[in-house]
C-alpha atoms as a PDB file:
ATOM      1  CA  MET A   1     -73.381 -59.560 -20.193  1.00  0.00           C
ATOM      2  CA  PRO A   2     -70.799 -57.254 -21.783  1.00  0.00           C
ATOM      3  CA  VAL A   3     -71.123 -53.558 -21.361  1.00  0.00           C
ATOM      4  CA  THR A   4     -70.515 -51.422 -24.365  1.00  0.00           C
ATOM      5  CA  ALA A   5     -68.868 -48.126 -23.586  1.00  0.00           C
ATOM      6  CA  ARG A   6     -69.914 -45.197 -25.618  1.00  0.00           C
ATOM      7  CA  ARG A   7     -67.399 -42.640 -26.568  1.00  0.00           C
ATOM      8  CA  THR A   8     -68.249 -39.317 -25.181  1.00  0.00           C
ATOM      9  CA  SER A   9     -66.766 -36.127 -26.490  1.00  0.00           C
ATOM     10  CA  LEU A  10     -65.048 -33.753 -24.141  1.00  0.00           C
ATOM     11  CA  SER A  11     -67.717 -31.094 -24.626  1.00  0.00           C
ATOM     12  CA  ARG A  12     -70.614 -33.424 -23.787  1.00  0.00           C
ATOM     13  CA  ALA A  13     -68.809 -34.837 -20.761  1.00  0.00           C
ATOM     14  CA  VAL A  14     -68.342 -31.334 -19.392  1.00  0.00           C
ATOM     15  CA  SER A  15     -72.011 -30.416 -20.026  1.00  0.00           C
ATOM     16  CA  GLN A  16     -73.188 -33.377 -17.956  1.00  0.00           C
ATOM     17  CA  LEU A  17     -71.529 -32.105 -14.769  1.00  0.00           C
ATOM     18  CA  ASP A  18     -73.793 -31.383 -11.853  1.00  0.00           C
ATOM     19  CA  THR A  19     -73.729 -27.601 -11.670  1.00  0.00           C
ATOM     20  CA  SER A  20     -75.132 -27.660  -8.151  1.00  0.00           C
ATOM     21  CA  THR A  21     -71.821 -28.727  -6.686  1.00  0.00           C
ATOM     22  CA  SER A  22     -68.577 -26.828  -6.683  1.00  0.00           C
ATOM     23  CA  ARG A  23     -66.470 -29.984  -6.640  1.00  0.00           C
ATOM     24  CA  PRO A  24     -64.271 -30.109  -9.752  1.00  0.00           C
ATOM     25  CA  LEU A  25     -64.038 -33.076 -12.029  1.00  0.00           C
ATOM     26  CA  GLY A  26     -60.702 -34.751 -11.353  1.00  0.00           C
ATOM     27  CA  ARG A  27     -57.943 -33.569  -9.061  1.00  0.00           C
ATOM     28  CA  THR A  28     -55.660 -30.629  -9.437  1.00  0.00           C
ATOM     29  CA  LEU A  29     -51.985 -31.365  -8.753  1.00  0.00           C
ATOM     30  CA  ALA A  30     -49.509 -28.744  -7.693  1.00  0.00           C
ATOM     31  CA  LYS A  31     -45.931 -28.836  -6.484  1.00  0.00           C
ATOM     32  CA  HIS A  32     -44.659 -26.277  -4.019  1.00  0.00           C
ATOM     33  CA  ARG A  33     -41.103 -25.236  -3.309  1.00  0.00           C
ATOM     34  CA  LYS A  34     -39.755 -23.139  -0.493  1.00  0.00           C
ATOM     35  CA  PRO A  35     -38.574 -19.655  -1.443  1.00  0.00           C
ATOM     36  CA  THR A  36     -34.816 -19.164  -1.557  1.00  0.00           C
ATOM     37  CA  LYS A  37     -33.081 -16.851   0.916  1.00  0.00           C
ATOM     38  CA  SER A  38     -32.371 -14.402  -1.855  1.00  0.00           C
ATOM     39  CA  GLY A  39     -36.092 -13.672  -2.129  1.00  0.00           C
ATOM     40  CA  SER A  40     -36.512 -14.771  -5.783  1.00  0.00           C
ATOM     41  CA  PRO A  41     -40.173 -15.080  -6.881  1.00  0.00           C
ATOM     42  CA  ARG A  42     -41.826 -18.451  -6.747  1.00  0.00           C
ATOM     43  CA  THR A  43     -41.896 -20.382 -10.000  1.00  0.00           C
ATOM     44  CA  ALA A  44     -45.084 -22.055 -11.194  1.00  0.00           C
ATOM     45  CA  ALA A  45     -45.324 -25.467  -9.588  1.00  0.00           C
ATOM     46  CA  ALA A  46     -46.823 -27.354 -12.497  1.00  0.00           C
ATOM     47  CA  VAL A  47     -48.861 -27.017 -15.651  1.00  0.00           C
ATOM     48  CA  LEU A  48     -51.812 -29.386 -15.637  1.00  0.00           C
ATOM     49  CA  SER A  49     -53.409 -30.770 -18.769  1.00  0.00           C
ATOM     50  CA  VAL A  50     -56.362 -33.076 -18.571  1.00  0.00           C
ATOM     51  CA  GLY A  51     -57.536 -35.324 -21.402  1.00  0.00           C
ATOM     52  CA  LEU A  52     -60.166 -37.922 -21.532  1.00  0.00           C
ATOM     53  CA  ALA A  53     -59.199 -41.367 -22.732  1.00  0.00           C
ATOM     54  CA  VAL A  54     -60.905 -42.881 -25.771  1.00  0.00           C
ATOM     55  CA  SER A  55     -62.536 -45.695 -23.747  1.00  0.00           C
ATOM     56  CA  GLY A  56     -63.514 -43.552 -20.802  1.00  0.00           C
ATOM     57  CA  GLY A  57     -61.729 -42.458 -17.627  1.00  0.00           C
ATOM     58  CA  ALA A  58     -59.339 -39.527 -17.244  1.00  0.00           C
ATOM     59  CA  ALA A  59     -55.660 -39.239 -18.076  1.00  0.00           C
ATOM     60  CA  LEU A  60     -53.616 -36.590 -16.271  1.00  0.00           C
ATOM     61  CA  THR A  61     -50.420 -35.097 -17.736  1.00  0.00           C
ATOM     62  CA  VAL A  62     -48.256 -32.954 -15.448  1.00  0.00           C
ATOM     63  CA  ALA A  63     -45.399 -30.824 -16.797  1.00  0.00           C
ATOM     64  CA  ALA A  64     -43.183 -29.309 -14.062  1.00  0.00           C
ATOM     65  CA  SER A  65     -40.934 -26.292 -14.746  1.00  0.00           C
ATOM     66  CA  PRO A  66     -37.297 -26.529 -13.563  1.00  0.00           C
ATOM     67  CA  ALA A  67     -36.236 -24.565 -10.493  1.00  0.00           C
ATOM     68  CA  THR A  68     -33.907 -21.664 -11.110  1.00  0.00           C
ATOM     69  CA  ALA A  69     -30.648 -21.572  -9.170  1.00  0.00           C
ATOM     70  CA  SER A  70     -28.944 -18.368  -8.130  1.00  0.00           C
ATOM     71  CA  ALA A  71     -25.136 -18.266  -8.219  1.00  0.00           C
ATOM     72  CA  ALA A  72     -23.201 -15.920  -5.983  1.00  0.00           C
ATOM     73  CA  THR A  73     -20.407 -14.057  -7.651  1.00  0.00           C
ATOM     74  CA  THR A  74     -17.366 -13.358  -5.489  1.00  0.00           C
ATOM     75  CA  THR A  75     -15.271 -10.311  -6.343  1.00  0.00           C
ATOM     76  CA  THR A  76     -11.675 -10.212  -5.113  1.00  0.00           C
ATOM     77  CA  THR A  77     -10.222  -6.759  -4.408  1.00  0.00           C
ATOM     78  CA  VAL A  78      -6.497  -6.366  -5.051  1.00  0.00           C
ATOM     79  CA  PRO A  79      -4.756  -4.007  -2.553  1.00  0.00           C
ATOM     80  CA  ARG A  80      -3.377  -0.778  -4.055  1.00  0.00           C
ATOM     81  CA  GLY A  81       0.164  -1.729  -3.067  1.00  0.00           C
ATOM     82  CA  TYR A  82      -0.013  -4.622  -5.560  1.00  0.00           C
ATOM     83  CA  TRP A  83      -1.238  -2.572  -8.516  1.00  0.00           C
ATOM     84  CA  THR A  84       1.167  -2.046 -11.398  1.00  0.00           C
ATOM     85  CA  ILE A  85       3.350   1.051 -11.598  1.00  0.00           C
ATOM     86  CA  ALA A  86       1.798   1.856 -14.989  1.00  0.00           C
ATOM     87  CA  SER A  87      -1.636   2.168 -13.323  1.00  0.00           C
ATOM     88  CA  LYS A  88      -0.273   4.970 -11.072  1.00  0.00           C
ATOM     89  CA  PRO A  89      -2.178   3.914  -7.932  1.00  0.00           C
ATOM     90  CA  LEU A  90      -3.011   6.453  -5.264  1.00  0.00           C
ATOM     91  CA  LEU A  91      -0.791   5.063  -2.521  1.00  0.00           C
ATOM     92  CA  ARG A  92      -1.079   6.536   0.934  1.00  0.00           C
ATOM     93  CA  TYR A  93      -0.359   5.862   4.599  1.00  0.00           C
ATOM     94  CA  GLY A  94      -1.031   2.246   5.589  1.00  0.00           C
ATOM     95  CA  ASP A  95      -0.652   0.665   2.143  1.00  0.00           C
ATOM     96  CA  ARG A  96       1.629  -2.334   1.624  1.00  0.00           C
ATOM     97  CA  GLY A  97       3.094  -4.189  -1.335  1.00  0.00           C
ATOM     98  CA  PRO A  98       5.767  -4.238  -4.047  1.00  0.00           C
ATOM     99  CA  THR A  99       4.579  -0.955  -5.608  1.00  0.00           C
ATOM    100  CA  VAL A 100       5.181   0.755  -2.247  1.00  0.00           C
ATOM    101  CA  LYS A 101       8.734  -0.637  -2.376  1.00  0.00           C
ATOM    102  CA  TYR A 102       9.230   1.008  -5.762  1.00  0.00           C
ATOM    103  CA  VAL A 103       8.185   4.383  -4.321  1.00  0.00           C
ATOM    104  CA  GLN A 104      10.538   3.936  -1.366  1.00  0.00           C
ATOM    105  CA  LYS A 105      13.464   3.081  -3.649  1.00  0.00           C
ATOM    106  CA  ALA A 106      12.752   6.181  -5.746  1.00  0.00           C
ATOM    107  CA  LEU A 107      12.832   8.201  -2.496  1.00  0.00           C
ATOM    108  CA  HIS A 108      16.121   6.549  -1.459  1.00  0.00           C
ATOM    109  CA  LEU A 109      14.445   4.904   1.516  1.00  0.00           C
ATOM    110  CA  GLY A 110      15.015   1.436   2.877  1.00  0.00           C
ATOM    111  CA  PRO A 111      12.322  -0.478   0.951  1.00  0.00           C
ATOM    112  CA  ASP A 112      10.267  -2.430   3.499  1.00  0.00           C
ATOM    113  CA  GLY A 113       7.035  -2.273   1.468  1.00  0.00           C
ATOM    114  CA  TYR A 114       5.028  -0.416   4.143  1.00  0.00           C
ATOM    115  CA  PHE A 115       3.793   3.131   3.523  1.00  0.00           C
ATOM    116  CA  GLY A 116       4.483   4.440   7.016  1.00  0.00           C
ATOM    117  CA  THR A 117       5.154   7.827   8.610  1.00  0.00           C
ATOM    118  CA  SER A 118       8.756   8.043   7.357  1.00  0.00           C
ATOM    119  CA  THR A 119       7.619   7.425   3.772  1.00  0.00           C
ATOM    120  CA  VAL A 120       4.925  10.101   4.115  1.00  0.00           C
ATOM    121  CA  ARG A 121       7.426  12.582   5.565  1.00  0.00           C
ATOM    122  CA  ILE A 122      10.081  12.073   2.876  1.00  0.00           C
ATOM    123  CA  LEU A 123       7.480  12.056   0.100  1.00  0.00           C
ATOM    124  CA  LYS A 124       6.219  15.463   1.257  1.00  0.00           C
ATOM    125  CA  LYS A 125       9.758  16.860   1.124  1.00  0.00           C
ATOM    126  CA  TYR A 126      10.229  15.283  -2.284  1.00  0.00           C
ATOM    127  CA  GLN A 127       6.991  16.771  -3.641  1.00  0.00           C
ATOM    128  CA  ALA A 128       7.837  20.238  -2.330  1.00  0.00           C
ATOM    129  CA  SER A 129      11.312  20.077  -3.904  1.00  0.00           C
ATOM    130  CA  TRP A 130       9.754  19.531  -7.341  1.00  0.00           C
ATOM    131  CA  GLY A 131       7.099  22.192  -6.941  1.00  0.00           C
ATOM    132  CA  LEU A 132       4.303  19.670  -6.379  1.00  0.00           C
ATOM    133  CA  ARG A 133       1.561  19.807  -3.775  1.00  0.00           C
ATOM    134  CA  ALA A 134       3.037  18.261  -0.612  1.00  0.00           C
ATOM    135  CA  THR A 135       0.246  15.766   0.102  1.00  0.00           C
ATOM    136  CA  GLY A 136       2.228  12.757   1.297  1.00  0.00           C
ATOM    137  CA  TYR A 137       0.454  10.411  -1.140  1.00  0.00           C
ATOM    138  CA  THR A 138       1.122   9.434  -4.755  1.00  0.00           C
ATOM    139  CA  ASP A 139      -1.187  11.327  -7.086  1.00  0.00           C
ATOM    140  CA  LYS A 140      -0.653  11.273 -10.873  1.00  0.00           C
ATOM    141  CA  ALA A 141       1.655  14.304 -10.877  1.00  0.00           C
ATOM    142  CA  THR A 142       3.843  12.708  -8.206  1.00  0.00           C
ATOM    143  CA  TRP A 143       3.984   9.431 -10.150  1.00  0.00           C
ATOM    144  CA  GLY A 144       5.218  11.273 -13.232  1.00  0.00           C
ATOM    145  CA  ARG A 145       8.056  12.836 -11.249  1.00  0.00           C
ATOM    146  CA  LEU A 146       8.883   9.620  -9.373  1.00  0.00           C
ATOM    147  CA  THR A 147       9.354   7.575 -12.538  1.00  0.00           C
ATOM    148  CA  TYR A 148      11.521  10.346 -14.009  1.00  0.00           C
ATOM    149  CA  THR A 149      13.810  10.700 -10.984  1.00  0.00           C
ATOM    150  CA  ALA A 150      14.094   6.923 -10.538  1.00  0.00           C
ATOM    151  CA  LYS A 151      15.209   6.577 -14.156  1.00  0.00           C
ATOM    152  CA  HIS A 152      17.800   9.367 -13.847  1.00  0.00           C
ATOM    153  CA  HIS A 153      18.914   8.495 -10.280  1.00  0.00           C
ATOM    154  CA  LEU A 154      17.809  11.845  -8.868  1.00  0.00           C
ATOM    155  CA  LEU A 155      16.016  12.757  -5.662  1.00  0.00           C
ATOM    156  CA  TYR A 156      15.245  16.336  -4.688  1.00  0.00           C
ATOM    157  CA  GLY A 157      14.439  19.003  -7.251  1.00  0.00           C
ATOM    158  CA  PRO A 158      15.380  22.639  -7.827  1.00  0.00           C
ATOM    159  CA  HIS A 159      12.841  23.982  -5.320  1.00  0.00           C
ATOM    160  CA  ARG A 160      14.716  22.380  -2.427  1.00  0.00           C
ATOM    161  CA  SER A 161      17.126  24.836  -0.844  1.00  0.00           C
ATOM    162  CA  VAL A 162      19.406  24.598   2.153  1.00  0.00           C
ATOM    163  CA  SER A 163      18.777  27.951   3.769  1.00  0.00           C
ATOM    164  CA  SER A 164      18.574  29.540   7.173  1.00  0.00           C
ATOM    165  CA  THR A 165      14.768  29.510   6.966  1.00  0.00           C
ATOM    166  CA  SER A 166      14.489  25.756   6.275  1.00  0.00           C
ATOM    167  CA  ILE A 167      17.120  24.079   8.449  1.00  0.00           C
ATOM    168  CA  GLY A 168      18.911  26.875  10.264  1.00  0.00           C
ATOM    169  CA  THR A 169      22.050  28.845   9.407  1.00  0.00           C
ATOM    170  CA  PHE A 170      24.397  26.625  11.435  1.00  0.00           C
ATOM    171  CA  ARG A 171      23.153  23.335   9.983  1.00  0.00           C
ATOM    172  CA  ALA A 172      23.328  24.851   6.491  1.00  0.00           C
ATOM    173  CA  ARG A 173      27.017  25.605   7.099  1.00  0.00           C
ATOM    174  CA  VAL A 174      27.505  22.042   8.371  1.00  0.00           C
ATOM    175  CA  LEU A 175      26.145  20.600   5.136  1.00  0.00           C
ATOM    176  CA  ARG A 176      28.292  22.889   2.978  1.00  0.00           C
ATOM    177  CA  GLU A 177      31.453  21.942   4.870  1.00  0.00           C
ATOM    178  CA  ALA A 178      30.535  18.243   4.769  1.00  0.00           C
ATOM    179  CA  ALA A 179      30.118  18.322   0.980  1.00  0.00           C
ATOM    180  CA  LYS A 180      33.471  20.095   0.482  1.00  0.00           C
ATOM    181  CA  LEU A 181      35.284  17.064   1.925  1.00  0.00           C
ATOM    182  CA  LYS A 182      33.758  14.523  -0.446  1.00  0.00           C
ATOM    183  CA  GLY A 183      36.424  12.065  -1.631  1.00  0.00           C
ATOM    184  CA  THR A 184      38.739  12.538   1.353  1.00  0.00           C
ATOM    185  CA  PRO A 185      40.335   9.143   2.137  1.00  0.00           C
ATOM    186  CA  TYR A 186      39.488   7.180   5.263  1.00  0.00           C
ATOM    187  CA  ARG A 187      42.258   7.126   7.868  1.00  0.00           C
ATOM    188  CA  TYR A 188      41.980   5.507  11.287  1.00  0.00           C
ATOM    189  CA  GLY A 189      42.391   8.227  13.923  1.00  0.00           C
ATOM    190  CA  GLY A 190      42.386  10.901  11.219  1.00  0.00           C
ATOM    191  CA  THR A 191      41.104  14.370  12.031  1.00  0.00           C
ATOM    192  CA  THR A 192      42.359  16.432   9.052  1.00  0.00           C
ATOM    193  CA  PRO A 193      41.658  16.611   5.305  1.00  0.00           C
ATOM    194  CA  ARG A 194      44.589  14.243   4.763  1.00  0.00           C
ATOM    195  CA  GLY A 195      42.302  11.521   6.133  1.00  0.00           C
ATOM    196  CA  PHE A 196      39.369  11.044   8.510  1.00  0.00           C
ATOM    197  CA  ASP A 197      37.752   8.403  10.605  1.00  0.00           C
ATOM    198  CA  CYS A 198      34.018   8.787  11.348  1.00  0.00           C
ATOM    199  CA  SER A 199      34.177  11.000  14.442  1.00  0.00           C
ATOM    200  CA  GLY A 200      37.261  12.848  13.145  1.00  0.00           C
ATOM    201  CA  TYR A 201      35.211  13.845  10.111  1.00  0.00           C
ATOM    202  CA  THR A 202      32.135  15.035  12.056  1.00  0.00           C
ATOM    203  CA  GLY A 203      34.320  16.879  14.553  1.00  0.00           C
ATOM    204  CA  TYR A 204      36.226  18.694  11.796  1.00  0.00           C
ATOM    205  CA  VAL A 205      33.037  19.663   9.918  1.00  0.00           C
ATOM    206  CA  TYR A 206      31.315  20.977  13.035  1.00  0.00           C
ATOM    207  CA  LYS A 207      34.400  22.967  14.021  1.00  0.00           C
ATOM    208  CA  LYS A 208      34.450  24.600  10.583  1.00  0.00           C
ATOM    209  CA  ALA A 209      30.750  25.422  10.961  1.00  0.00           C
ATOM    210  CA  GLY A 210      31.363  27.062  14.333  1.00  0.00           C
ATOM    211  CA  LYS A 211      30.879  24.450  17.088  1.00  0.00           C
ATOM    212  CA  LYS A 212      33.280  22.059  18.763  1.00  0.00           C
ATOM    213  CA  LEU A 213      32.593  18.358  19.359  1.00  0.00           C
ATOM    214  CA  PRO A 214      34.378  15.767  21.543  1.00  0.00           C
ATOM    215  CA  ARG A 215      36.756  13.383  19.802  1.00  0.00           C
ATOM    216  CA  THR A 216      34.971  10.014  19.764  1.00  0.00           C
ATOM    217  CA  SER A 217      31.543   8.991  18.486  1.00  0.00           C
ATOM    218  CA  ARG A 218      30.428   7.899  21.963  1.00  0.00           C
ATOM    219  CA  ALA A 219      31.513  11.207  23.491  1.00  0.00           C
ATOM    220  CA  GLN A 220      29.768  13.127  20.708  1.00  0.00           C
ATOM    221  CA  TYR A 221      26.570  11.198  21.394  1.00  0.00           C
ATOM    222  CA  SER A 222      26.761  12.158  25.072  1.00  0.00           C
ATOM    223  CA  ALA A 223      27.382  15.813  24.188  1.00  0.00           C
ATOM    224  CA  THR A 224      24.294  16.217  21.984  1.00  0.00           C
ATOM    225  CA  LYS A 225      20.606  16.679  22.660  1.00  0.00           C
ATOM    226  CA  HIS A 226      18.876  13.447  21.640  1.00  0.00           C
ATOM    227  CA  ILE A 227      16.009  13.950  19.206  1.00  0.00           C
ATOM    228  CA  THR A 228      13.635  11.677  17.304  1.00  0.00           C
ATOM    229  CA  ARG A 229      14.059  10.768  13.672  1.00  0.00           C
ATOM    230  CA  LYS A 230      10.861  12.675  12.903  1.00  0.00           C
ATOM    231  CA  THR A 231      12.263  15.939  14.282  1.00  0.00           C
ATOM    232  CA  ALA A 232      15.815  15.468  12.922  1.00  0.00           C
ATOM    233  CA  LYS A 233      16.918  17.947  10.248  1.00  0.00           C
ATOM    234  CA  PRO A 234      19.759  17.896   7.725  1.00  0.00           C
ATOM    235  CA  GLY A 235      22.942  18.950   9.497  1.00  0.00           C
ATOM    236  CA  ASP A 236      22.153  17.068  12.726  1.00  0.00           C
ATOM    237  CA  LEU A 237      24.265  14.098  13.783  1.00  0.00           C
ATOM    238  CA  VAL A 238      23.177  10.498  13.252  1.00  0.00           C
ATOM    239  CA  PHE A 239      24.617   7.790  15.514  1.00  0.00           C
ATOM    240  CA  PHE A 240      24.694   4.058  14.786  1.00  0.00           C
ATOM    241  CA  LYS A 241      24.039   1.794  17.761  1.00  0.00           C
ATOM    242  CA  SER A 242      24.943  -1.834  18.399  1.00  0.00           C
ATOM    243  CA  GLY A 243      22.625  -4.445  19.857  1.00  0.00           C
ATOM    244  CA  GLY A 244      23.800  -3.598  23.353  1.00  0.00           C
ATOM    245  CA  GLY A 245      23.016   0.093  22.889  1.00  0.00           C
ATOM    246  CA  GLY A 246      26.596   1.301  22.406  1.00  0.00           C
ATOM    247  CA  VAL A 247      27.497   3.801  19.693  1.00  0.00           C
ATOM    248  CA  TYR A 248      29.978   2.543  17.074  1.00  0.00           C
ATOM    249  CA  HIS A 249      29.640   5.053  14.207  1.00  0.00           C
ATOM    250  CA  VAL A 250      28.591   8.644  13.524  1.00  0.00           C
ATOM    251  CA  GLY A 251      27.769  10.728  10.474  1.00  0.00           C
ATOM    252  CA  ILE A 252      26.035  13.934   9.433  1.00  0.00           C
ATOM    253  CA  TYR A 253      22.358  13.593   8.553  1.00  0.00           C
ATOM    254  CA  ALA A 254      21.673  14.809   4.989  1.00  0.00           C
ATOM    255  CA  GLY A 255      17.884  14.240   4.973  1.00  0.00           C
ATOM    256  CA  GLY A 256      15.882  11.653   3.082  1.00  0.00           C
ATOM    257  CA  ASN A 257      17.472   8.659   4.844  1.00  0.00           C
ATOM    258  CA  MET A 258      20.933   9.829   3.686  1.00  0.00           C
ATOM    259  CA  LEU A 259      24.084  10.905   5.519  1.00  0.00           C
ATOM    260  CA  TRP A 260      27.601  12.226   4.961  1.00  0.00           C
ATOM    261  CA  HIS A 261      30.249  10.063   6.628  1.00  0.00           C
ATOM    262  CA  ALA A 262      33.721   8.548   6.608  1.00  0.00           C
ATOM    263  CA  SER A 263      32.754   4.891   6.633  1.00  0.00           C
ATOM    264  CA  LYS A 264      35.753   2.546   6.630  1.00  0.00           C
ATOM    265  CA  PRO A 265      39.210   1.911   5.119  1.00  0.00           C
ATOM    266  CA  GLY A 266      39.167   1.922   1.345  1.00  0.00           C
ATOM    267  CA  ARG A 267      36.075   4.103   1.134  1.00  0.00           C
ATOM    268  CA  PRO A 268      36.456   7.891   1.028  1.00  0.00           C
ATOM    269  CA  VAL A 269      34.087  10.446   2.513  1.00  0.00           C
ATOM    270  CA  ALA A 270      30.786  10.207   0.654  1.00  0.00           C
ATOM    271  CA  LYS A 271      27.045  10.666   0.850  1.00  0.00           C
ATOM    272  CA  ALA A 272      25.253   7.351   1.398  1.00  0.00           C
ATOM    273  CA  LYS A 273      22.051   5.721   2.577  1.00  0.00           C
ATOM    274  CA  ILE A 274      21.375   5.003   6.232  1.00  0.00           C
ATOM    275  CA  TRP A 275      21.446   1.211   6.054  1.00  0.00           C
ATOM    276  CA  THR A 276      19.857   0.302   9.362  1.00  0.00           C
ATOM    277  CA  SER A 277      17.022   1.361  11.638  1.00  0.00           C
ATOM    278  CA  SER A 278      19.251   1.084  14.744  1.00  0.00           C
ATOM    279  CA  VAL A 279      20.168   4.752  14.730  1.00  0.00           C
ATOM    280  CA  ALA A 280      19.746   7.755  17.010  1.00  0.00           C
ATOM    281  CA  PHE A 281      19.876  11.447  16.220  1.00  0.00           C
ATOM    282  CA  GLY A 282      21.566  14.268  18.103  1.00  0.00           C
ATOM    283  CA  ARG A 283      21.605  18.043  17.886  1.00  0.00           C
ATOM    284  CA  VAL A 284      24.270  20.391  19.211  1.00  0.00           C
END
């Protein structure tokens, strides 16, 4: 015979539970997720709502919350040597990049883009010549002076002096005599102010300063005490060497990667940059 189901309200159904047992009516569902490596707190697995159907039985509705994802943010650090000139980066020993090249050009150095010992050494001389603290790195005060001197094609400032206390009395005389001959024409085999070749020029200048040198660049190299670039001072001799180690040119070191020399036909005596690293220095 048919069975008639009687609707039972939720409150009456709950009151009819056997209170002697701890077993709950229906099942509790839960979802679990493993914790992430970042240690974020666990999210609630599910929210359970239970409703009784109109004609009896139980209907379960489960609403799960979405898992939260953590995104890692990667920050890229730009090296100081690639910062803009306007930012005035604090460049120091070991830095590389195009902004280092700018500093080297302002210092009249061969711009290789590496802030090495030679750049530190010349920068210290540069800073001292402008009355700045000789730190060897580019602080804001140094940047202000660098941009000014680069714009006006200057190098050393009024505080730089060629005196007996800084480079020695003899080398100071060498530099004065070398500068007096600026514009003298090049002449192969020349040893007088009517015209000089490279060793004729250095020999004449040194003789005027008080010391005699042999005639050729190779002989002058053999007659000097060989010193490192780091210890070389303005007024010393700088020799240019070929791949085989032979000397083919000589000039007078002027400091800051510069020299006085008689270079070649068509070019008079002038102050110029040292254009190669294949050089050696000598002191009489």
